[in-house]
PDB file of N, CA and C in Angstrom:
ATOM      1  N   UNK A   1       0.312 -37.638  -1.688  1.00  0.00           N
ATOM      2  CA  UNK A   1       0.092 -36.074  -1.676  1.00  0.00           C
ATOM      3  C   UNK A   1      -0.714 -35.550  -0.537  1.00  0.00           C
ATOM      4  N   UNK A   2      -0.340 -34.584  -0.121  1.00  0.00           N
ATOM      5  CA  UNK A   2      -1.032 -34.018   1.076  1.00  0.00           C
ATOM      6  C   UNK A   2      -2.164 -32.964   0.472  1.00  0.00           C
ATOM      7  N   UNK A   3      -3.207 -32.749   1.164  1.00  0.00           N
ATOM      8  CA  UNK A   3      -4.172 -31.720   0.670  1.00  0.00           C
ATOM      9  C   UNK A   3      -3.741 -30.191   0.791  1.00  0.00           C
ATOM     10  N   UNK A   4      -3.948 -29.675  -0.238  1.00  0.00           N
ATOM     11  CA  UNK A   4      -3.392 -28.128  -0.184  1.00  0.00           C
ATOM     12  C   UNK A   4      -4.136 -27.527   0.784  1.00  0.00           C
ATOM     13  N   UNK A   5      -3.639 -26.443   1.617  1.00  0.00           N
ATOM     14  CA  UNK A   5      -4.237 -25.768   2.688  1.00  0.00           C
ATOM     15  C   UNK A   5      -4.314 -24.386   2.025  1.00  0.00           C
ATOM     16  N   UNK A   6      -5.794 -24.072   1.325  1.00  0.00           N
ATOM     17  CA  UNK A   6      -6.121 -23.033   0.819  1.00  0.00           C
ATOM     18  C   UNK A   6      -7.264 -22.469   1.749  1.00  0.00           C
ATOM     19  N   UNK A   7      -7.111 -20.962   1.827  1.00  0.00           N
ATOM     20  CA  UNK A   7      -8.085 -20.233   2.611  1.00  0.00           C
ATOM     21  C   UNK A   7      -8.603 -19.023   1.912  1.00  0.00           C
ATOM     22  N   UNK A   8      -9.639 -18.579   2.208  1.00  0.00           N
ATOM     23  CA  UNK A   8     -10.138 -17.392   1.524  1.00  0.00           C
ATOM     24  C   UNK A   8     -10.678 -16.254   2.595  1.00  0.00           C
ATOM     25  N   UNK A   9     -10.133 -15.100   2.383  1.00  0.00           N
ATOM     26  CA  UNK A   9     -10.358 -13.824   3.296  1.00  0.00           C
ATOM     27  C   UNK A   9     -10.611 -12.673   2.550  1.00  0.00           C
ATOM     28  N   UNK A  10     -11.346 -11.747   3.090  1.00  0.00           N
ATOM     29  CA  UNK A  10     -11.474 -10.514   2.607  1.00  0.00           C
ATOM     30  C   UNK A  10     -10.232  -9.544   2.766  1.00  0.00           C
ATOM     31  N   UNK A  11      -9.565  -8.861   1.905  1.00  0.00           N
ATOM     32  CA  UNK A  11      -8.480  -8.204   2.013  1.00  0.00           C
ATOM     33  C   UNK A  11      -8.321  -7.270   3.279  1.00  0.00           C
ATOM     34  N   UNK A  12      -9.613  -6.783   3.493  1.00  0.00           N
ATOM     35  CA  UNK A  12      -9.848  -5.939   4.637  1.00  0.00           C
ATOM     36  C   UNK A  12      -9.589  -6.300   5.868  1.00  0.00           C
ATOM     37  N   UNK A  13      -9.546  -7.729   6.059  1.00  0.00           N
ATOM     38  CA  UNK A  13      -9.344  -8.592   7.513  1.00  0.00           C
ATOM     39  C   UNK A  13      -7.955  -8.365   7.721  1.00  0.00           C
ATOM     40  N   UNK A  14      -7.659  -8.380   9.090  1.00  0.00           N
ATOM     41  CA  UNK A  14      -6.229  -8.291   9.505  1.00  0.00           C
ATOM     42  C   UNK A  14      -5.529  -9.683   8.978  1.00  0.00           C
ATOM     43  N   UNK A  15      -4.362  -9.742   8.639  1.00  0.00           N
ATOM     44  CA  UNK A  15      -3.527 -10.809   8.320  1.00  0.00           C
ATOM     45  C   UNK A  15      -3.326 -11.698   9.598  1.00  0.00           C
ATOM     46  N   UNK A  16      -2.937 -12.937   9.384  1.00  0.00           N
ATOM     47  CA  UNK A  16      -2.708 -13.824  10.442  1.00  0.00           C
ATOM     48  C   UNK A  16      -1.420 -14.471  10.045  1.00  0.00           C
ATOM     49  N   UNK A  17      -0.513 -14.753  11.101  1.00  0.00           N
ATOM     50  CA  UNK A  17       0.815 -15.213  10.915  1.00  0.00           C
ATOM     51  C   UNK A  17       0.833 -16.642  10.229  1.00  0.00           C
ATOM     52  N   UNK A  18      -0.271 -17.329  10.168  1.00  0.00           N
ATOM     53  CA  UNK A  18      -0.136 -18.521   9.485  1.00  0.00           C
ATOM     54  C   UNK A  18      -0.886 -18.549   8.047  1.00  0.00           C
ATOM     55  N   UNK A  19      -1.059 -17.311   7.550  1.00  0.00           N
ATOM     56  CA  UNK A  19      -1.601 -17.214   6.233  1.00  0.00           C
ATOM     57  C   UNK A  19      -0.964 -17.610   5.320  1.00  0.00           C
ATOM     58  N   UNK A  20       0.197 -17.997   5.175  1.00  0.00           N
ATOM     59  CA  UNK A  20       1.031 -18.451   4.236  1.00  0.00           C
ATOM     60  C   UNK A  20       1.314 -17.184   3.236  1.00  0.00           C
ATOM     61  N   UNK A  21       1.134 -17.857   1.887  1.00  0.00           N
ATOM     62  CA  UNK A  21       1.213 -16.678   0.738  1.00  0.00           C
ATOM     63  C   UNK A  21      -0.270 -15.933   0.768  1.00  0.00           C
ATOM     64  N   UNK A  22      -0.152 -14.629   0.530  1.00  0.00           N
ATOM     65  CA  UNK A  22      -1.400 -14.028   0.584  1.00  0.00           C
ATOM     66  C   UNK A  22      -1.557 -13.621  -0.961  1.00  0.00           C
ATOM     67  N   UNK A  23      -2.562 -13.945  -1.499  1.00  0.00           N
ATOM     68  CA  UNK A  23      -2.710 -13.602  -3.027  1.00  0.00           C
ATOM     69  C   UNK A  23      -4.020 -12.822  -3.158  1.00  0.00           C
ATOM     70  N   UNK A  24      -3.961 -11.694  -3.870  1.00  0.00           N
ATOM     71  CA  UNK A  24      -5.058 -10.973  -4.308  1.00  0.00           C
ATOM     72  C   UNK A  24      -5.767 -11.397  -5.471  1.00  0.00           C
ATOM     73  N   UNK A  25      -6.953 -11.910  -5.485  1.00  0.00           N
ATOM     74  CA  UNK A  25      -7.436 -12.512  -6.844  1.00  0.00           C
ATOM     75  C   UNK A  25      -8.440 -11.569  -7.417  1.00  0.00           C
ATOM     76  N   UNK A  26      -8.435 -10.402  -7.208  1.00  0.00           N
ATOM     77  CA  UNK A  26      -9.561  -9.430  -7.957  1.00  0.00           C
ATOM     78  C   UNK A  26      -8.889  -8.727  -8.945  1.00  0.00           C
ATOM     79  N   UNK A  27      -9.735  -8.669 -10.092  1.00  0.00           N
ATOM     80  CA  UNK A  27      -8.935  -7.696 -11.192  1.00  0.00           C
ATOM     81  C   UNK A  27      -8.874  -6.443 -10.968  1.00  0.00           C
ATOM     82  N   UNK A  28      -9.560  -5.919 -10.165  1.00  0.00           N
ATOM     83  CA  UNK A  28      -9.547  -4.252  -9.852  1.00  0.00           C
ATOM     84  C   UNK A  28      -9.105  -4.234  -8.322  1.00  0.00           C
ATOM     85  N   UNK A  29      -8.309  -3.156  -8.182  1.00  0.00           N
ATOM     86  CA  UNK A  29      -7.824  -3.036  -6.923  1.00  0.00           C
ATOM     87  C   UNK A  29      -8.874  -2.556  -5.797  1.00  0.00           C
ATOM     88  N   UNK A  30      -8.765  -3.201  -4.739  1.00  0.00           N
ATOM     89  CA  UNK A  30     -10.008  -3.095  -3.798  1.00  0.00           C
ATOM     90  C   UNK A  30     -10.114  -1.394  -3.322  1.00  0.00           C
ATOM     91  N   UNK A  31     -11.277  -0.979  -3.301  1.00  0.00           N
ATOM     92  CA  UNK A  31     -11.674   0.386  -2.930  1.00  0.00           C
ATOM     93  C   UNK A  31     -11.190   0.779  -1.465  1.00  0.00           C
ATOM     94  N   UNK A  32     -10.823   2.002  -1.402  1.00  0.00           N
ATOM     95  CA  UNK A  32     -10.468   2.334   0.015  1.00  0.00           C
ATOM     96  C   UNK A  32      -8.966   1.896   0.433  1.00  0.00           C
ATOM     97  N   UNK A  33      -8.529   0.970  -0.049  1.00  0.00           N
ATOM     98  CA  UNK A  33      -7.077   0.385   0.399  1.00  0.00           C
ATOM     99  C   UNK A  33      -6.070   0.957  -0.526  1.00  0.00           C
ATOM    100  N   UNK A  34      -5.009   1.548   0.402  1.00  0.00           N
ATOM    101  CA  UNK A  34      -3.746   2.215  -0.247  1.00  0.00           C
ATOM    102  C   UNK A  34      -2.769   0.858  -0.630  1.00  0.00           C
ATOM    103  N   UNK A  35      -2.310   0.863  -1.791  1.00  0.00           N
ATOM    104  CA  UNK A  35      -1.363  -0.123  -2.112  1.00  0.00           C
ATOM    105  C   UNK A  35      -0.451  -0.531  -1.073  1.00  0.00           C
ATOM    106  N   UNK A  36       0.237   0.722  -0.463  1.00  0.00           N
ATOM    107  CA  UNK A  36       1.154   0.534   0.501  1.00  0.00           C
ATOM    108  C   UNK A  36       0.942   0.019   1.715  1.00  0.00           C
ATOM    109  N   UNK A  37      -0.399  -0.031   2.020  1.00  0.00           N
ATOM    110  CA  UNK A  37      -0.965  -0.531   3.287  1.00  0.00           C
ATOM    111  C   UNK A  37      -1.665  -2.049   3.128  1.00  0.00           C
ATOM    112  N   UNK A  38      -1.639  -2.513   1.986  1.00  0.00           N
ATOM    113  CA  UNK A  38      -2.244  -4.017   1.751  1.00  0.00           C
ATOM    114  C   UNK A  38      -1.142  -4.929   2.186  1.00  0.00           C
ATOM    115  N   UNK A  39      -1.542  -5.857   2.835  1.00  0.00           N
ATOM    116  CA  UNK A  39      -0.526  -7.085   3.374  1.00  0.00           C
ATOM    117  C   UNK A  39      -0.961  -8.180   2.494  1.00  0.00           C
ATOM    118  N   UNK A  40      -0.073  -8.295   1.308  1.00  0.00           N
ATOM    119  CA  UNK A  40      -0.221  -9.202   0.381  1.00  0.00           C
ATOM    120  C   UNK A  40       1.122  -9.661  -0.400  1.00  0.00           C
ATOM    121  N   UNK A  41       1.370 -10.655  -0.881  1.00  0.00           N
ATOM    122  CA  UNK A  41       2.389 -11.207  -1.502  1.00  0.00           C
ATOM    123  C   UNK A  41       2.362 -11.111  -2.758  1.00  0.00           C
ATOM    124  N   UNK A  42       1.443 -11.305  -3.581  1.00  0.00           N
ATOM    125  CA  UNK A  42       1.102 -11.325  -5.035  1.00  0.00           C
ATOM    126  C   UNK A  42      -0.219 -10.923  -5.259  1.00  0.00           C
ATOM    127  N   UNK A  43      -0.396 -10.166  -6.404  1.00  0.00           N
ATOM    128  CA  UNK A  43      -1.772  -9.650  -6.958  1.00  0.00           C
ATOM    129  C   UNK A  43      -1.611 -10.272  -8.347  1.00  0.00           C
ATOM    130  N   UNK A  44      -2.523 -11.406  -8.409  1.00  0.00           N
ATOM    131  CA  UNK A  44      -2.726 -12.082  -9.655  1.00  0.00           C
ATOM    132  C   UNK A  44      -3.988 -11.576 -10.169  1.00  0.00           C
ATOM    133  N   UNK A  45      -4.007 -10.468 -10.896  1.00  0.00           N
ATOM    134  CA  UNK A  45      -5.230 -10.032 -11.411  1.00  0.00           C
ATOM    135  C   UNK A  45      -5.775 -10.777 -12.739  1.00  0.00           C
ATOM    136  N   UNK A  46      -4.740 -11.455 -13.144  1.00  0.00           N
ATOM    137  CA  UNK A  46      -5.108 -12.321 -14.433  1.00  0.00           C
ATOM    138  C   UNK A  46      -5.743 -13.541 -14.423  1.00  0.00           C
ATOM    139  N   UNK A  47      -5.881 -13.996 -12.782  1.00  0.00           N
ATOM    140  CA  UNK A  47      -6.522 -15.152 -12.310  1.00  0.00           C
ATOM    141  C   UNK A  47      -7.980 -14.852 -12.344  1.00  0.00           C
ATOM    142  N   UNK A  48      -8.396 -13.482 -12.092  1.00  0.00           N
ATOM    143  CA  UNK A  48      -9.785 -13.076 -11.882  1.00  0.00           C
ATOM    144  C   UNK A  48     -10.671 -13.315 -13.065  1.00  0.00           C
ATOM    145  N   UNK A  49     -12.026 -13.282 -12.684  1.00  0.00           N
ATOM    146  CA  UNK A  49     -12.801 -13.564 -14.024  1.00  0.00           C
ATOM    147  C   UNK A  49     -12.647 -12.218 -14.896  1.00  0.00           C
ATOM    148  N   UNK A  50     -13.015 -12.548 -16.154  1.00  0.00           N
ATOM    149  CA  UNK A  50     -12.931 -11.487 -17.287  1.00  0.00           C
ATOM    150  C   UNK A  50     -13.832 -10.418 -16.781  1.00  0.00           C
ATOM    151  N   UNK A  51     -13.577  -9.081 -17.238  1.00  0.00           N
ATOM    152  CA  UNK A  51     -14.465  -7.946 -16.903  1.00  0.00           C
ATOM    153  C   UNK A  51     -15.773  -8.256 -17.427  1.00  0.00           C
ATOM    154  N   UNK A  52     -15.955  -8.769 -18.643  1.00  0.00           N
ATOM    155  CA  UNK A  52     -17.392  -9.046 -19.191  1.00  0.00           C
ATOM    156  C   UNK A  52     -18.076 -10.169 -18.212  1.00  0.00           C
ATOM    157  N   UNK A  53     -17.531 -11.146 -17.689  1.00  0.00           N
ATOM    158  CA  UNK A  53     -17.993 -12.173 -16.656  1.00  0.00           C
ATOM    159  C   UNK A  53     -18.426 -11.555 -15.373  1.00  0.00           C
ATOM    160  N   UNK A  54     -17.422 -10.819 -14.910  1.00  0.00           N
ATOM    161  CA  UNK A  54     -17.580  -9.977 -13.646  1.00  0.00           C
ATOM    162  C   UNK A  54     -18.761  -9.132 -13.661  1.00  0.00           C
ATOM    163  N   UNK A  55     -18.957  -8.423 -14.867  1.00  0.00           N
ATOM    164  CA  UNK A  55     -19.971  -7.476 -14.831  1.00  0.00           C
ATOM    165  C   UNK A  55     -21.510  -8.100 -15.162  1.00  0.00           C
ATOM    166  N   UNK A  56     -21.445  -9.367 -15.882  1.00  0.00           N
ATOM    167  CA  UNK A  56     -22.583 -10.104 -15.914  1.00  0.00           C
ATOM    168  C   UNK A  56     -23.014 -10.718 -14.653  1.00  0.00           C
ATOM    169  N   UNK A  57     -22.175 -11.142 -13.763  1.00  0.00           N
ATOM    170  CA  UNK A  57     -22.435 -11.753 -12.576  1.00  0.00           C
ATOM    171  C   UNK A  57     -22.861 -10.683 -11.668  1.00  0.00           C
ATOM    172  N   UNK A  58     -22.238  -9.644 -11.385  1.00  0.00           N
ATOM    173  CA  UNK A  58     -22.579  -8.584 -10.629  1.00  0.00           C
ATOM    174  C   UNK A  58     -22.906  -9.078  -9.105  1.00  0.00           C
ATOM    175  N   UNK A  59     -22.261 -10.005  -8.679  1.00  0.00           N
ATOM    176  CA  UNK A  59     -22.341 -10.597  -7.360  1.00  0.00           C
ATOM    177  C   UNK A  59     -23.870 -10.913  -6.926  1.00  0.00           C
ATOM    178  N   UNK A  60     -24.532 -11.326  -7.821  1.00  0.00           N
ATOM    179  CA  UNK A  60     -26.040 -11.711  -7.494  1.00  0.00           C
ATOM    180  C   UNK A  60     -25.843 -13.320  -7.216  1.00  0.00           C
ATOM    181  N   UNK A  61     -26.231 -13.649  -6.026  1.00  0.00           N
ATOM    182  CA  UNK A  61     -25.934 -15.136  -5.695  1.00  0.00           C
ATOM    183  C   UNK A  61     -26.833 -16.047  -6.392  1.00  0.00           C
ATOM    184  N   UNK A  62     -27.982 -15.638  -7.004  1.00  0.00           N
ATOM    185  CA  UNK A  62     -28.718 -16.547  -7.647  1.00  0.00           C
ATOM    186  C   UNK A  62     -28.036 -16.911  -9.052  1.00  0.00           C
ATOM    187  N   UNK A  63     -26.985 -16.312  -9.362  1.00  0.00           N
ATOM    188  CA  UNK A  63     -26.333 -16.513 -10.623  1.00  0.00           C
ATOM    189  C   UNK A  63     -24.888 -17.256 -10.474  1.00  0.00           C
ATOM    190  N   UNK A  64     -24.756 -17.506  -9.250  1.00  0.00           N
ATOM    191  CA  UNK A  64     -23.417 -18.005  -8.799  1.00  0.00           C
ATOM    192  C   UNK A  64     -23.173 -19.414  -9.359  1.00  0.00           C
ATOM    193  N   UNK A  65     -24.050 -20.279  -9.427  1.00  0.00           N
ATOM    194  CA  UNK A  65     -23.861 -21.551 -10.194  1.00  0.00           C
ATOM    195  C   UNK A  65     -23.398 -21.352 -11.653  1.00  0.00           C
ATOM    196  N   UNK A  66     -24.028 -20.606 -12.316  1.00  0.00           N
ATOM    197  CA  UNK A  66     -23.628 -20.168 -13.736  1.00  0.00           C
ATOM    198  C   UNK A  66     -22.369 -19.550 -13.897  1.00  0.00           C
ATOM    199  N   UNK A  67     -22.205 -18.703 -12.865  1.00  0.00           N
ATOM    200  CA  UNK A  67     -20.895 -17.783 -12.786  1.00  0.00           C
ATOM    201  C   UNK A  67     -19.865 -18.846 -12.598  1.00  0.00           C
ATOM    202  N   UNK A  68     -20.099 -19.717 -11.796  1.00  0.00           N
ATOM    203  CA  UNK A  68     -18.993 -20.792 -11.437  1.00  0.00           C
ATOM    204  C   UNK A  68     -18.471 -21.701 -12.753  1.00  0.00           C
ATOM    205  N   UNK A  69     -19.545 -21.957 -13.409  1.00  0.00           N
ATOM    206  CA  UNK A  69     -19.315 -22.815 -14.491  1.00  0.00           C
ATOM    207  C   UNK A  69     -18.530 -22.044 -15.728  1.00  0.00           C
ATOM    208  N   UNK A  70     -18.887 -20.821 -16.028  1.00  0.00           N
ATOM    209  CA  UNK A  70     -18.339 -19.896 -16.945  1.00  0.00           C
ATOM    210  C   UNK A  70     -16.973 -19.507 -16.520  1.00  0.00           C
ATOM    211  N   UNK A  71     -16.766 -19.357 -14.930  1.00  0.00           N
ATOM    212  CA  UNK A  71     -15.444 -18.857 -14.523  1.00  0.00           C
ATOM    213  C   UNK A  71     -14.378 -19.943 -14.813  1.00  0.00           C
ATOM    214  N   UNK A  72     -14.925 -21.250 -14.591  1.00  0.00           N
ATOM    215  CA  UNK A  72     -13.935 -22.537 -14.715  1.00  0.00           C
ATOM    216  C   UNK A  72     -13.677 -22.700 -16.150  1.00  0.00           C
ATOM    217  N   UNK A  73     -14.607 -22.350 -16.971  1.00  0.00           N
ATOM    218  CA  UNK A  73     -14.260 -22.333 -18.394  1.00  0.00           C
ATOM    219  C   UNK A  73     -13.018 -21.404 -18.607  1.00  0.00           C
ATOM    220  N   UNK A  74     -13.042 -20.272 -18.340  1.00  0.00           N
ATOM    221  CA  UNK A  74     -12.247 -19.201 -18.462  1.00  0.00           C
ATOM    222  C   UNK A  74     -10.831 -19.704 -17.846  1.00  0.00           C
ATOM    223  N   UNK A  75     -10.681 -20.421 -16.946  1.00  0.00           N
ATOM    224  CA  UNK A  75      -9.534 -20.668 -16.250  1.00  0.00           C
ATOM    225  C   UNK A  75      -8.853 -21.911 -16.987  1.00  0.00           C
ATOM    226  N   UNK A  76      -9.561 -22.505 -17.850  1.00  0.00           N
ATOM    227  CA  UNK A  76      -9.044 -23.749 -18.441  1.00  0.00           C
ATOM    228  C   UNK A  76      -7.631 -23.558 -19.192  1.00  0.00           C
ATOM    229  N   UNK A  77      -7.485 -22.323 -19.763  1.00  0.00           N
ATOM    230  CA  UNK A  77      -6.117 -21.960 -20.159  1.00  0.00           C
ATOM    231  C   UNK A  77      -5.463 -20.854 -19.423  1.00  0.00           C
ATOM    232  N   UNK A  78      -5.487 -20.837 -18.228  1.00  0.00           N
ATOM    233  CA  UNK A  78      -5.007 -19.784 -17.500  1.00  0.00           C
ATOM    234  C   UNK A  78      -3.417 -19.893 -16.918  1.00  0.00           C
ATOM    235  N   UNK A  79      -2.468 -19.441 -17.027  1.00  0.00           N
ATOM    236  CA  UNK A  79      -1.244 -19.352 -16.806  1.00  0.00           C
ATOM    237  C   UNK A  79      -1.192 -18.847 -15.351  1.00  0.00           C
ATOM    238  N   UNK A  80      -2.174 -17.827 -15.047  1.00  0.00           N
ATOM    239  CA  UNK A  80      -2.056 -17.469 -13.715  1.00  0.00           C
ATOM    240  C   UNK A  80      -2.636 -18.591 -12.706  1.00  0.00           C
ATOM    241  N   UNK A  81      -3.453 -19.473 -13.296  1.00  0.00           N
ATOM    242  CA  UNK A  81      -3.975 -20.418 -12.364  1.00  0.00           C
ATOM    243  C   UNK A  81      -2.789 -21.405 -12.156  1.00  0.00           C
ATOM    244  N   UNK A  82      -2.106 -21.640 -13.153  1.00  0.00           N
ATOM    245  CA  UNK A  82      -0.833 -22.621 -12.952  1.00  0.00           C
ATOM    246  C   UNK A  82       0.133 -21.929 -12.035  1.00  0.00           C
ATOM    247  N   UNK A  83       0.264 -20.645 -11.974  1.00  0.00           N
ATOM    248  CA  UNK A  83       1.223 -19.991 -10.994  1.00  0.00           C
ATOM    249  C   UNK A  83       0.517 -20.106  -9.525  1.00  0.00           C
ATOM    250  N   UNK A  84      -0.849 -20.161  -9.305  1.00  0.00           N
ATOM    251  CA  UNK A  84      -1.393 -20.310  -8.076  1.00  0.00           C
ATOM    252  C   UNK A  84      -1.310 -21.617  -7.558  1.00  0.00           C
ATOM    253  N   UNK A  85      -1.357 -22.638  -8.460  1.00  0.00           N
ATOM    254  CA  UNK A  85      -1.072 -24.101  -7.985  1.00  0.00           C
ATOM    255  C   UNK A  85       0.258 -24.214  -7.554  1.00  0.00           C
ATOM    256  N   UNK A  86       1.324 -23.618  -8.310  1.00  0.00           N
ATOM    257  CA  UNK A  86       2.656 -23.937  -7.751  1.00  0.00           C
ATOM    258  C   UNK A  86       2.845 -23.189  -6.465  1.00  0.00           C
ATOM    259  N   UNK A  87       2.184 -22.227  -6.044  1.00  0.00           N
ATOM    260  CA  UNK A  87       2.254 -21.528  -4.942  1.00  0.00           C
ATOM    261  C   UNK A  87       1.711 -22.551  -3.832  1.00  0.00           C
ATOM    262  N   UNK A  88       0.523 -23.056  -4.201  1.00  0.00           N
ATOM    263  CA  UNK A  88      -0.219 -23.911  -3.154  1.00  0.00           C
ATOM    264  C   UNK A  88       0.499 -25.105  -3.012  1.00  0.00           C
ATOM    265  N   UNK A  89       1.194 -25.734  -3.928  1.00  0.00           N
ATOM    266  CA  UNK A  89       1.897 -26.788  -3.800  1.00  0.00           C
ATOM    267  C   UNK A  89       3.160 -26.784  -2.879  1.00  0.00           C
ATOM    268  N   UNK A  90       3.550 -25.522  -2.657  1.00  0.00           N
ATOM    269  CA  UNK A  90       4.733 -25.156  -1.673  1.00  0.00           C
ATOM    270  C   UNK A  90       4.288 -24.665  -0.295  1.00  0.00           C
ATOM    271  N   UNK A  91       3.308 -23.851  -0.147  1.00  0.00           N
ATOM    272  CA  UNK A  91       2.870 -23.444   1.033  1.00  0.00           C
ATOM    273  C   UNK A  91       1.285 -23.083   1.086  1.00  0.00           C
ATOM    274  N   UNK A  92       0.922 -22.688   2.515  1.00  0.00           N
ATOM    275  CA  UNK A  92      -0.346 -22.410   2.496  1.00  0.00           C
ATOM    276  C   UNK A  92      -0.682 -21.182   1.606  1.00  0.00           C
ATOM    277  N   UNK A  93      -1.870 -21.066   1.076  1.00  0.00           N
ATOM    278  CA  UNK A  93      -2.104 -20.038   0.253  1.00  0.00           C
ATOM    279  C   UNK A  93      -3.620 -19.368   0.826  1.00  0.00           C
ATOM    280  N   UNK A  94      -3.398 -17.800   0.874  1.00  0.00           N
ATOM    281  CA  UNK A  94      -4.761 -17.401   1.531  1.00  0.00           C
ATOM    282  C   UNK A  94      -5.098 -16.531   0.229  1.00  0.00           C
ATOM    283  N   UNK A  95      -6.366 -16.813  -0.349  1.00  0.00           N
ATOM    284  CA  UNK A  95      -6.806 -15.967  -1.341  1.00  0.00           C
ATOM    285  C   UNK A  95      -7.609 -14.699  -0.686  1.00  0.00           C
ATOM    286  N   UNK A  96      -7.226 -13.654  -1.306  1.00  0.00           N
ATOM    287  CA  UNK A  96      -7.986 -12.353  -0.806  1.00  0.00           C
ATOM    288  C   UNK A  96      -8.688 -11.835  -1.854  1.00  0.00           C
ATOM    289  N   UNK A  97      -9.889 -11.220  -1.531  1.00  0.00           N
ATOM    290  CA  UNK A  97     -10.763 -10.627  -2.306  1.00  0.00           C
ATOM    291  C   UNK A  97     -11.422  -9.549  -1.481  1.00  0.00           C
ATOM    292  N   UNK A  98     -11.756  -8.475  -1.985  1.00  0.00           N
ATOM    293  CA  UNK A  98     -12.391  -7.342  -1.576  1.00  0.00           C
ATOM    294  C   UNK A  98     -14.222  -7.625  -1.601  1.00  0.00           C
ATOM    295  N   UNK A  99     -14.559  -8.655  -2.107  1.00  0.00           N
ATOM    296  CA  UNK A  99     -15.863  -8.999  -2.050  1.00  0.00           C
ATOM    297  C   UNK A  99     -16.516  -9.142  -0.744  1.00  0.00           C
ATOM    298  N   UNK A 100     -17.873  -8.699  -0.450  1.00  0.00           N
ATOM    299  CA  UNK A 100     -18.183  -8.758   0.885  1.00  0.00           C
ATOM    300  C   UNK A 100     -18.895 -10.327   0.930  1.00  0.00           C
ATOM    301  N   UNK A 101     -19.155 -10.767  -0.086  1.00  0.00           N
ATOM    302  CA  UNK A 101     -19.727 -12.301   0.041  1.00  0.00           C
ATOM    303  C   UNK A 101     -18.981 -13.242  -0.361  1.00  0.00           C
ATOM    304  N   UNK A 102     -17.894 -13.567   0.443  1.00  0.00           N
ATOM    305  CA  UNK A 102     -16.862 -14.195  -0.021  1.00  0.00           C
ATOM    306  C   UNK A 102     -17.320 -15.859  -0.547  1.00  0.00           C
ATOM    307  N   UNK A 103     -18.488 -16.323   0.104  1.00  0.00           N
ATOM    308  CA  UNK A 103     -18.829 -17.570  -0.240  1.00  0.00           C
ATOM    309  C   UNK A 103     -19.364 -17.603  -1.648  1.00  0.00           C
ATOM    310  N   UNK A 104     -19.728 -16.466  -2.152  1.00  0.00           N
ATOM    311  CA  UNK A 104     -20.420 -16.695  -3.943  1.00  0.00           C
ATOM    312  C   UNK A 104     -19.123 -15.541  -4.615  1.00  0.00           C
ATOM    313  N   UNK A 105     -18.010 -15.780  -4.483  1.00  0.00           N
ATOM    314  CA  UNK A 105     -17.079 -15.184  -5.072  1.00  0.00           C
ATOM    315  C   UNK A 105     -16.137 -15.981  -5.835  1.00  0.00           C
ATOM    316  N   UNK A 106     -15.262 -15.228  -6.761  1.00  0.00           N
ATOM    317  CA  UNK A 106     -14.262 -15.878  -7.571  1.00  0.00           C
ATOM    318  C   UNK A 106     -13.269 -16.643  -6.658  1.00  0.00           C
ATOM    319  N   UNK A 107     -13.023 -16.052  -5.535  1.00  0.00           N
ATOM    320  CA  UNK A 107     -12.078 -16.665  -4.638  1.00  0.00           C
ATOM    321  C   UNK A 107     -12.490 -18.062  -4.032  1.00  0.00           C
ATOM    322  N   UNK A 108     -13.899 -18.046  -3.727  1.00  0.00           N
ATOM    323  CA  UNK A 108     -14.326 -19.314  -3.389  1.00  0.00           C
ATOM    324  C   UNK A 108     -14.345 -20.430  -4.465  1.00  0.00           C
ATOM    325  N   UNK A 109     -14.453 -19.936  -5.755  1.00  0.00           N
ATOM    326  CA  UNK A 109     -14.487 -20.875  -6.785  1.00  0.00           C
ATOM    327  C   UNK A 109     -12.850 -21.441  -6.978  1.00  0.00           C
ATOM    328  N   UNK A 110     -11.945 -20.561  -6.949  1.00  0.00           N
ATOM    329  CA  UNK A 110     -10.445 -20.737  -6.972  1.00  0.00           C
ATOM    330  C   UNK A 110     -10.052 -21.852  -6.015  1.00  0.00           C
ATOM    331  N   UNK A 111     -10.672 -21.523  -4.753  1.00  0.00           N
ATOM    332  CA  UNK A 111     -10.010 -22.344  -3.574  1.00  0.00           C
ATOM    333  C   UNK A 111     -10.714 -23.785  -3.917  1.00  0.00           C
ATOM    334  N   UNK A 112     -11.777 -23.817  -4.291  1.00  0.00           N
ATOM    335  CA  UNK A 112     -12.479 -25.145  -4.732  1.00  0.00           C
ATOM    336  C   UNK A 112     -11.701 -25.923  -5.733  1.00  0.00           C
ATOM    337  N   UNK A 113     -11.252 -25.233  -6.792  1.00  0.00           N
ATOM    338  CA  UNK A 113     -10.361 -25.507  -7.734  1.00  0.00           C
ATOM    339  C   UNK A 113      -9.158 -26.057  -7.420  1.00  0.00           C
ATOM    340  N   UNK A 114      -8.429 -25.300  -6.660  1.00  0.00           N
ATOM    341  CA  UNK A 114      -7.304 -25.803  -6.118  1.00  0.00           C
ATOM    342  C   UNK A 114      -7.227 -26.891  -4.871  1.00  0.00           C
ATOM    343  N   UNK A 115      -8.217 -26.922  -4.359  1.00  0.00           N
ATOM    344  CA  UNK A 115      -8.437 -28.304  -3.359  1.00  0.00           C
ATOM    345  C   UNK A 115      -8.746 -29.579  -4.159  1.00  0.00           C
ATOM    346  N   UNK A 116      -9.185 -29.459  -5.519  1.00  0.00           N
ATOM    347  CA  UNK A 116      -9.727 -30.647  -6.133  1.00  0.00           C
ATOM    348  C   UNK A 116      -8.768 -31.008  -7.247  1.00  0.00           C
ATOM    349  N   UNK A 117      -7.865 -29.992  -7.729  1.00  0.00           N
ATOM    350  CA  UNK A 117      -7.026 -30.361  -8.738  1.00  0.00           C
ATOM    351  C   UNK A 117      -5.616 -30.933  -8.289  1.00  0.00           C
ATOM    352  N   UNK A 118      -5.040 -31.704  -9.168  1.00  0.00           N
ATOM    353  CA  UNK A 118      -3.712 -32.108  -8.909  1.00  0.00           C
ATOM    354  C   UNK A 118      -2.774 -31.001  -8.842  1.00  0.00           C
TER     355      UNK A 118
END
């Protein structure tokens, strides 16, 4: 089995020809972006953290380790994660988020999870 090609970008960045399947992984639509202007293939809002977890985290980097643990726990029964895995098995996947700090985002957690899981 070859390693999955998983990328993470902000949705506001220009799409690249080699992005593969572009998947928005935010629960809330990105501010200031018209839906008809978004360059994406799928919006998987059900793979995003729960509203409660998202609000608790508040994108505070010092909480990231605990956020990652809690988020991974939420994902253990996620059909949306299974869908994302299936996409990643077939093509390059670019996970999109509106978050400014991509390294401390749910997209980064998802990318790591997709790279390490069968």
